[in-house]
Amino acid sequence: MGPWVVAKQNIDRKELRDWDASARAWLCIADKVKKKQQSRCFLALDQFDLKMASRSGLYYGVIEV
C-alpha cells in the first residue's frame, strides 16, 4: 500500500479516541514495569554496596561500577 492510500483512509473520532486510550494504557503498564525493575536494581545495588556514578551517561556509570 502506498503512503497516499494510507493518508486517504477515513478515521473517525471514536476510532482515534479508542486507539489513543489503548496506546496510553500500554504505556502506563510499561512505565509501571520499568519502575519496578528500576527499584529492584537500586535494591540490588544497595545490598552489594555498589554506588552508581554521578556521571550523566548510563554507559560510563555502568562501566565505572
PDB file of N, CA and C in Angstrom:
ATOM      1  N   MET A   1       0.834  -1.175   0.000  1.00  0.00           N
ATOM      2  CA  MET A   1       0.000   0.000   0.000  1.00  0.00           C
ATOM      3  C   MET A   1       0.880   1.240   0.000  1.00  0.00           C
ATOM      4  N   GLY A   2       0.579   2.132  -0.885  1.00  0.00           N
ATOM      5  CA  GLY A   2       1.353   3.357  -0.935  1.00  0.00           C
ATOM      6  C   GLY A   2       0.958   4.318   0.174  1.00  0.00           C
ATOM      7  N   PRO A   3       1.843   5.246   0.494  1.00  0.00           N
ATOM      8  CA  PRO A   3       1.537   6.207   1.559  1.00  0.00           C
ATOM      9  C   PRO A   3       0.293   7.039   1.258  1.00  0.00           C
ATOM     10  N   TRP A   4       0.042   7.306  -0.017  1.00  0.00           N
ATOM     11  CA  TRP A   4      -1.121   8.112  -0.373  1.00  0.00           C
ATOM     12  C   TRP A   4      -2.419   7.380  -0.076  1.00  0.00           C
ATOM     13  N   VAL A   5      -2.404   6.038  -0.181  1.00  0.00           N
ATOM     14  CA  VAL A   5      -3.603   5.255   0.137  1.00  0.00           C
ATOM     15  C   VAL A   5      -3.874   5.327   1.639  1.00  0.00           C
ATOM     16  N   VAL A   6      -2.826   5.198   2.415  1.00  0.00           N
ATOM     17  CA  VAL A   6      -2.975   5.254   3.867  1.00  0.00           C
ATOM     18  C   VAL A   6      -3.452   6.639   4.295  1.00  0.00           C
ATOM     19  N   ALA A   7      -2.925   7.671   3.665  1.00  0.00           N
ATOM     20  CA  ALA A   7      -3.301   9.039   4.013  1.00  0.00           C
ATOM     21  C   ALA A   7      -4.760   9.328   3.687  1.00  0.00           C
ATOM     22  N   LYS A   8      -5.323   8.625   2.740  1.00  0.00           N
ATOM     23  CA  LYS A   8      -6.708   8.850   2.324  1.00  0.00           C
ATOM     24  C   LYS A   8      -7.727   8.101   3.175  1.00  0.00           C
ATOM     25  N   GLN A   9      -7.278   7.243   4.093  1.00  0.00           N
ATOM     26  CA  GLN A   9      -8.213   6.491   4.918  1.00  0.00           C
ATOM     27  C   GLN A   9      -8.936   7.426   5.882  1.00  0.00           C
ATOM     28  N   ASN A  10     -10.220   7.181   6.033  1.00  0.00           N
ATOM     29  CA  ASN A  10     -11.006   7.963   6.983  1.00  0.00           C
ATOM     30  C   ASN A  10     -10.982   7.279   8.346  1.00  0.00           C
ATOM     31  N   ILE A  11     -10.622   8.047   9.343  1.00  0.00           N
ATOM     32  CA  ILE A  11     -10.620   7.545  10.714  1.00  0.00           C
ATOM     33  C   ILE A  11     -11.523   8.477  11.514  1.00  0.00           C
ATOM     34  N   ASP A  12     -12.590   7.925  12.048  1.00  0.00           N
ATOM     35  CA  ASP A  12     -13.493   8.798  12.802  1.00  0.00           C
ATOM     36  C   ASP A  12     -12.948   9.039  14.210  1.00  0.00           C
ATOM     37  N   ARG A  13     -13.523   9.989  14.885  1.00  0.00           N
ATOM     38  CA  ARG A  13     -13.038  10.400  16.204  1.00  0.00           C
ATOM     39  C   ARG A  13     -13.103   9.269  17.225  1.00  0.00           C
ATOM     40  N   LYS A  14     -14.126   8.443  17.161  1.00  0.00           N
ATOM     41  CA  LYS A  14     -14.260   7.339  18.115  1.00  0.00           C
ATOM     42  C   LYS A  14     -13.119   6.343  17.943  1.00  0.00           C
ATOM     43  N   GLU A  15     -12.803   5.990  16.694  1.00  0.00           N
ATOM     44  CA  GLU A  15     -11.689   5.062  16.449  1.00  0.00           C
ATOM     45  C   GLU A  15     -10.375   5.652  16.955  1.00  0.00           C
ATOM     46  N   LEU A  16     -10.186   6.927  16.687  1.00  0.00           N
ATOM     47  CA  LEU A  16      -8.964   7.594  17.130  1.00  0.00           C
ATOM     48  C   LEU A  16      -8.903   7.655  18.657  1.00  0.00           C
ATOM     49  N   ARG A  17     -10.033   7.951  19.288  1.00  0.00           N
ATOM     50  CA  ARG A  17     -10.108   8.000  20.749  1.00  0.00           C
ATOM     51  C   ARG A  17      -9.817   6.626  21.356  1.00  0.00           C
ATOM     52  N   ASP A  18     -10.387   5.576  20.754  1.00  0.00           N
ATOM     53  CA  ASP A  18     -10.150   4.210  21.247  1.00  0.00           C
ATOM     54  C   ASP A  18      -8.687   3.813  21.100  1.00  0.00           C
ATOM     55  N   TRP A  19      -8.110   4.151  19.945  1.00  0.00           N
ATOM     56  CA  TRP A  19      -6.699   3.833  19.714  1.00  0.00           C
ATOM     57  C   TRP A  19      -5.827   4.576  20.719  1.00  0.00           C
ATOM     58  N   ASP A  20      -6.120   5.846  20.949  1.00  0.00           N
ATOM     59  CA  ASP A  20      -5.346   6.652  21.881  1.00  0.00           C
ATOM     60  C   ASP A  20      -5.428   6.083  23.295  1.00  0.00           C
ATOM     61  N   ALA A  21      -6.628   5.698  23.716  1.00  0.00           N
ATOM     62  CA  ALA A  21      -6.798   5.119  25.054  1.00  0.00           C
ATOM     63  C   ALA A  21      -6.015   3.820  25.187  1.00  0.00           C
ATOM     64  N   SER A  22      -6.030   3.009  24.142  1.00  0.00           N
ATOM     65  CA  SER A  22      -5.290   1.746  24.164  1.00  0.00           C
ATOM     66  C   SER A  22      -3.782   1.994  24.254  1.00  0.00           C
ATOM     67  N   ALA A  23      -3.291   2.919  23.444  1.00  0.00           N
ATOM     68  CA  ALA A  23      -1.858   3.230  23.458  1.00  0.00           C
ATOM     69  C   ALA A  23      -1.433   3.771  24.822  1.00  0.00           C
ATOM     70  N   ARG A  24      -2.252   4.636  25.401  1.00  0.00           N
ATOM     71  CA  ARG A  24      -1.928   5.191  26.721  1.00  0.00           C
ATOM     72  C   ARG A  24      -1.926   4.111  27.799  1.00  0.00           C
ATOM     73  N   ALA A  25      -2.844   3.164  27.696  1.00  0.00           N
ATOM     74  CA  ALA A  25      -2.890   2.067  28.671  1.00  0.00           C
ATOM     75  C   ALA A  25      -1.622   1.222  28.587  1.00  0.00           C
ATOM     76  N   TRP A  26      -1.190   0.912  27.369  1.00  0.00           N
ATOM     77  CA  TRP A  26       0.040   0.135  27.195  1.00  0.00           C
ATOM     78  C   TRP A  26       1.240   0.887  27.758  1.00  0.00           C
ATOM     79  N   LEU A  27       1.317   2.188  27.508  1.00  0.00           N
ATOM     80  CA  LEU A  27       2.432   2.980  28.021  1.00  0.00           C
ATOM     81  C   LEU A  27       2.424   3.042  29.546  1.00  0.00           C
ATOM     82  N   CYS A  28       1.252   3.133  30.126  1.00  0.00           N
ATOM     83  CA  CYS A  28       1.130   3.155  31.588  1.00  0.00           C
ATOM     84  C   CYS A  28       1.644   1.847  32.189  1.00  0.00           C
ATOM     85  N   ILE A  29       1.268   0.732  31.588  1.00  0.00           N
ATOM     86  CA  ILE A  29       1.733  -0.574  32.069  1.00  0.00           C
ATOM     87  C   ILE A  29       3.252  -0.683  31.926  1.00  0.00           C
ATOM     88  N   ALA A  30       3.769  -0.238  30.783  1.00  0.00           N
ATOM     89  CA  ALA A  30       5.217  -0.297  30.554  1.00  0.00           C
ATOM     90  C   ALA A  30       5.959   0.558  31.579  1.00  0.00           C
ATOM     91  N   ASP A  31       5.423   1.734  31.891  1.00  0.00           N
ATOM     92  CA  ASP A  31       6.048   2.595  32.902  1.00  0.00           C
ATOM     93  C   ASP A  31       6.094   1.910  34.259  1.00  0.00           C
ATOM     94  N   LYS A  32       5.006   1.250  34.636  1.00  0.00           N
ATOM     95  CA  LYS A  32       4.960   0.559  35.927  1.00  0.00           C
ATOM     96  C   LYS A  32       5.969  -0.582  35.981  1.00  0.00           C
ATOM     97  N   VAL A  33       6.085  -1.333  34.884  1.00  0.00           N
ATOM     98  CA  VAL A  33       7.040  -2.446  34.838  1.00  0.00           C
ATOM     99  C   VAL A  33       8.463  -1.918  34.963  1.00  0.00           C
ATOM    100  N   LYS A  34       8.779  -0.864  34.221  1.00  0.00           N
ATOM    101  CA  LYS A  34      10.136  -0.312  34.270  1.00  0.00           C
ATOM    102  C   LYS A  34      10.444   0.285  35.639  1.00  0.00           C
ATOM    103  N   LYS A  35       9.456   0.902  36.270  1.00  0.00           N
ATOM    104  CA  LYS A  35       9.674   1.457  37.604  1.00  0.00           C
ATOM    105  C   LYS A  35       9.990   0.342  38.596  1.00  0.00           C
ATOM    106  N   LYS A  36       9.283  -0.779  38.478  1.00  0.00           N
ATOM    107  CA  LYS A  36       9.537  -1.925  39.354  1.00  0.00           C
ATOM    108  C   LYS A  36      10.942  -2.481  39.113  1.00  0.00           C
ATOM    109  N   GLN A  37      11.346  -2.579  37.841  1.00  0.00           N
ATOM    110  CA  GLN A  37      12.686  -3.075  37.519  1.00  0.00           C
ATOM    111  C   GLN A  37      13.756  -2.132  38.066  1.00  0.00           C
ATOM    112  N   GLN A  38      13.505  -0.836  37.964  1.00  0.00           N
ATOM    113  CA  GLN A  38      14.471   0.138  38.467  1.00  0.00           C
ATOM    114  C   GLN A  38      14.596   0.027  39.984  1.00  0.00           C
ATOM    115  N   SER A  39      13.472  -0.157  40.661  1.00  0.00           N
ATOM    116  CA  SER A  39      13.505  -0.317  42.119  1.00  0.00           C
ATOM    117  C   SER A  39      14.314  -1.547  42.509  1.00  0.00           C
ATOM    118  N   ARG A  40      14.114  -2.645  41.797  1.00  0.00           N
ATOM    119  CA  ARG A  40      14.878  -3.869  42.076  1.00  0.00           C
ATOM    120  C   ARG A  40      16.368  -3.653  41.850  1.00  0.00           C
ATOM    121  N   CYS A  41      16.688  -2.918  40.812  1.00  0.00           N
ATOM    122  CA  CYS A  41      18.094  -2.636  40.512  1.00  0.00           C
ATOM    123  C   CYS A  41      18.730  -1.840  41.651  1.00  0.00           C
ATOM    124  N   PHE A  42      18.030  -0.801  42.125  1.00  0.00           N
ATOM    125  CA  PHE A  42      18.573   0.000  43.217  1.00  0.00           C
ATOM    126  C   PHE A  42      18.689  -0.805  44.505  1.00  0.00           C
ATOM    127  N   LEU A  43      17.737  -1.697  44.761  1.00  0.00           N
ATOM    128  CA  LEU A  43      17.833  -2.559  45.942  1.00  0.00           C
ATOM    129  C   LEU A  43      19.057  -3.468  45.851  1.00  0.00           C
ATOM    130  N   ALA A  44      19.312  -4.011  44.665  1.00  0.00           N
ATOM    131  CA  ALA A  44      20.485  -4.869  44.471  1.00  0.00           C
ATOM    132  C   ALA A  44      21.768  -4.071  44.660  1.00  0.00           C
ATOM    133  N   LEU A  45      21.783  -2.856  44.148  1.00  0.00           N
ATOM    134  CA  LEU A  45      22.971  -2.015  44.314  1.00  0.00           C
ATOM    135  C   LEU A  45      23.222  -1.724  45.790  1.00  0.00           C
ATOM    136  N   ASP A  46      22.153  -1.436  46.525  1.00  0.00           N
ATOM    137  CA  ASP A  46      22.302  -1.178  47.962  1.00  0.00           C
ATOM    138  C   ASP A  46      22.777  -2.425  48.703  1.00  0.00           C
ATOM    139  N   GLN A  47      22.244  -3.575  48.328  1.00  0.00           N
ATOM    140  CA  GLN A  47      22.592  -4.825  49.004  1.00  0.00           C
ATOM    141  C   GLN A  47      24.074  -5.154  48.839  1.00  0.00           C
ATOM    142  N   PHE A  48      24.605  -4.905  47.666  1.00  0.00           N
ATOM    143  CA  PHE A  48      26.006  -5.228  47.400  1.00  0.00           C
ATOM    144  C   PHE A  48      26.917  -4.023  47.595  1.00  0.00           C
ATOM    145  N   ASP A  49      26.351  -2.958  48.161  1.00  0.00           N
ATOM    146  CA  ASP A  49      27.107  -1.738  48.435  1.00  0.00           C
ATOM    147  C   ASP A  49      27.797  -1.202  47.180  1.00  0.00           C
ATOM    148  N   LEU A  50      27.090  -1.241  46.077  1.00  0.00           N
ATOM    149  CA  LEU A  50      27.608  -0.670  44.834  1.00  0.00           C
ATOM    150  C   LEU A  50      27.070   0.745  44.691  1.00  0.00           C
ATOM    151  N   LYS A  51      27.889   1.636  44.285  1.00  0.00           N
ATOM    152  CA  LYS A  51      27.476   3.026  44.131  1.00  0.00           C
ATOM    153  C   LYS A  51      27.414   3.374  42.647  1.00  0.00           C
ATOM    154  N   MET A  52      26.306   3.957  42.274  1.00  0.00           N
ATOM    155  CA  MET A  52      26.192   4.427  40.896  1.00  0.00           C
ATOM    156  C   MET A  52      26.984   5.718  40.777  1.00  0.00           C
ATOM    157  N   ALA A  53      27.684   5.848  39.697  1.00  0.00           N
ATOM    158  CA  ALA A  53      28.471   7.050  39.462  1.00  0.00           C
ATOM    159  C   ALA A  53      27.535   8.233  39.218  1.00  0.00           C
ATOM    160  N   SER A  54      28.041   9.410  39.471  1.00  0.00           N
ATOM    161  CA  SER A  54      27.224  10.606  39.282  1.00  0.00           C
ATOM    162  C   SER A  54      27.303  11.129  37.851  1.00  0.00           C
ATOM    163  N   ARG A  55      27.925  10.386  36.989  1.00  0.00           N
ATOM    164  CA  ARG A  55      28.027  10.809  35.592  1.00  0.00           C
ATOM    165  C   ARG A  55      26.654  10.823  34.945  1.00  0.00           C
ATOM    166  N   SER A  56      26.529  11.631  33.922  1.00  0.00           N
ATOM    167  CA  SER A  56      25.238  11.730  33.241  1.00  0.00           C
ATOM    168  C   SER A  56      25.022  10.580  32.262  1.00  0.00           C
ATOM    169  N   GLY A  57      26.074   9.950  31.814  1.00  0.00           N
ATOM    170  CA  GLY A  57      25.934   8.876  30.838  1.00  0.00           C
ATOM    171  C   GLY A  57      25.766   7.521  31.495  1.00  0.00           C
ATOM    172  N   LEU A  58      24.734   6.815  31.115  1.00  0.00           N
ATOM    173  CA  LEU A  58      24.461   5.499  31.691  1.00  0.00           C
ATOM    174  C   LEU A  58      25.608   4.532  31.409  1.00  0.00           C
ATOM    175  N   TYR A  59      26.106   4.524  30.180  1.00  0.00           N
ATOM    176  CA  TYR A  59      27.171   3.601  29.797  1.00  0.00           C
ATOM    177  C   TYR A  59      28.380   3.761  30.714  1.00  0.00           C
ATOM    178  N   TYR A  60      28.839   4.993  30.885  1.00  0.00           N
ATOM    179  CA  TYR A  60      30.036   5.230  31.688  1.00  0.00           C
ATOM    180  C   TYR A  60      29.788   4.933  33.164  1.00  0.00           C
ATOM    181  N   GLY A  61      28.576   5.191  33.629  1.00  0.00           N
ATOM    182  CA  GLY A  61      28.237   4.871  35.012  1.00  0.00           C
ATOM    183  C   GLY A  61      28.285   3.383  35.273  1.00  0.00           C
ATOM    184  N   VAL A  62      27.754   2.597  34.347  1.00  0.00           N
ATOM    185  CA  VAL A  62      27.762   1.138  34.498  1.00  0.00           C
ATOM    186  C   VAL A  62      29.183   0.606  34.409  1.00  0.00           C
ATOM    187  N   ILE A  63      29.952   1.114  33.478  1.00  0.00           N
ATOM    188  CA  ILE A  63      31.342   0.667  33.321  1.00  0.00           C
ATOM    189  C   ILE A  63      32.145   0.981  34.582  1.00  0.00           C
ATOM    190  N   GLU A  64      31.921   2.138  35.172  1.00  0.00           N
ATOM    191  CA  GLU A  64      32.664   2.519  36.375  1.00  0.00           C
ATOM    192  C   GLU A  64      32.330   1.613  37.554  1.00  0.00           C
ATOM    193  N   VAL A  65      31.061   1.213  37.671  1.00  0.00           N
ATOM    194  CA  VAL A  65      30.657   0.324  38.766  1.00  0.00           C
ATOM    195  C   VAL A  65      31.294  -1.019  38.548  1.00  0.00           C
TER     196      VAL A  65
END
